[in-house]
Amino acid sequence: MDEQTIFNKMIDILRVYTKDPSLLDKATKDTHILNDLKVNSARLVDVIIKCEDTFGITVEDDEADKIGTLGDAVDIIKAKLG
């Protein structure tokens, strides 16, 4: 799966958890999930679980701690998918 496909799926996942979904229209790999999209930090766990279900992967706690931006999430998912 290519990076753009993963990115687009991440946007779809985040749409439910973002306070202002219109922010996703301008999102890039540098967009910070908590700071820029205003996703509640408690909801980040839900986002990660949804990613695991969507992509059929397991994200370890230490990997989850490294997710700050959309690009971080895409990179981890891409690596997991091999």
Protein backbone atom coordinates (compact mmCIF):
# COMPACT_ATOMS: atom_id res chain seq x y z
CA MET A 1 0.00 0.00 0.00
CA ASP A 2 1.44 3.36 -0.98
CA GLU A 3 1.89 6.38 1.30
CA GLN A 4 -0.91 8.40 -0.30
CA THR A 5 -3.42 5.58 0.24
CA ILE A 6 -2.35 5.23 3.88
CA PHE A 7 -2.54 9.02 4.32
CA ASN A 8 -6.05 9.15 2.84
CA LYS A 9 -7.23 6.35 5.11
CA MET A 10 -5.72 8.19 8.10
CA ILE A 11 -7.71 11.30 7.13
CA ASP A 12 -10.89 9.21 7.05
CA ILE A 13 -10.11 7.71 10.47
CA LEU A 14 -9.32 11.10 12.00
CA ARG A 15 -12.48 12.74 10.64
CA VAL A 16 -14.51 11.24 13.52
CA TYR A 17 -12.07 12.35 16.22
CA THR A 18 -11.16 15.85 14.99
CA LYS A 19 -13.04 18.73 16.65
CA ASP A 20 -13.14 20.64 13.34
CA PRO A 21 -13.13 18.14 10.44
CA SER A 22 -12.56 20.97 7.94
CA LEU A 23 -8.97 21.14 9.26
CA LEU A 24 -8.38 17.81 7.54
CA ASP A 25 -8.93 19.42 4.13
CA LYS A 26 -5.57 21.20 4.47
CA ALA A 27 -3.74 18.45 6.36
CA THR A 28 -0.24 17.38 5.28
CA LYS A 29 2.25 14.85 6.60
CA ASP A 30 3.53 17.64 8.88
CA THR A 31 0.11 18.22 10.48
CA HIS A 32 0.29 17.48 14.22
CA ILE A 33 -2.59 15.29 15.32
CA LEU A 34 -3.02 16.75 18.80
CA ASN A 35 -1.94 20.36 18.28
CA ASP A 36 -3.15 21.13 14.76
CA LEU A 37 -6.21 18.88 14.51
CA LYS A 38 -7.17 19.30 18.18
CA VAL A 39 -7.70 15.57 18.67
CA ASN A 40 -8.14 14.89 22.39
CA SER A 41 -5.15 12.93 23.71
CA ALA A 42 -7.48 10.32 25.20
CA ARG A 43 -9.01 9.88 21.74
CA LEU A 44 -5.59 9.20 20.24
CA VAL A 45 -5.85 5.70 21.71
CA ASP A 46 -9.11 5.21 19.81
CA VAL A 47 -7.42 6.47 16.62
CA ILE A 48 -4.60 3.95 17.06
CA ILE A 49 -7.05 1.09 17.69
CA LYS A 50 -8.99 2.08 14.57
CA CYS A 51 -5.72 2.12 12.60
CA GLU A 52 -4.88 -1.36 13.85
CA ASP A 53 -8.30 -2.62 12.72
CA THR A 54 -8.24 -0.78 9.38
CA PHE A 55 -4.72 -1.83 8.39
CA GLY A 56 -4.57 -5.22 10.14
CA ILE A 57 -1.50 -4.28 12.20
CA THR A 58 -0.49 -4.01 15.85
CA VAL A 59 1.01 -0.75 17.10
CA GLU A 60 3.15 -1.22 20.21
CA ASP A 61 3.00 1.34 23.03
CA ASP A 62 6.51 2.65 22.31
CA GLU A 63 5.57 3.14 18.65
CA ALA A 64 2.32 4.89 19.60
CA ASP A 65 4.33 7.29 21.77
CA LYS A 66 6.27 8.36 18.66
CA ILE A 67 3.14 9.38 16.72
CA GLY A 68 2.86 13.15 16.67
CA THR A 69 2.14 14.04 13.07
CA LEU A 70 0.18 12.40 10.29
CA GLY A 71 3.53 11.60 8.68
CA ASP A 72 4.66 9.74 11.81
CA ALA A 73 1.51 7.62 11.67
CA VAL A 74 1.89 6.96 7.94
CA ASP A 75 5.55 5.96 8.37
CA ILE A 76 4.77 3.49 11.17
CA ILE A 77 1.85 1.97 9.30
CA LYS A 78 3.88 1.68 6.08
CA ALA A 79 6.72 -0.03 7.95
CA LYS A 80 4.26 -2.46 9.58
CA LEU A 81 2.71 -3.33 6.24
CA GLY A 82 6.17 -4.05 4.87
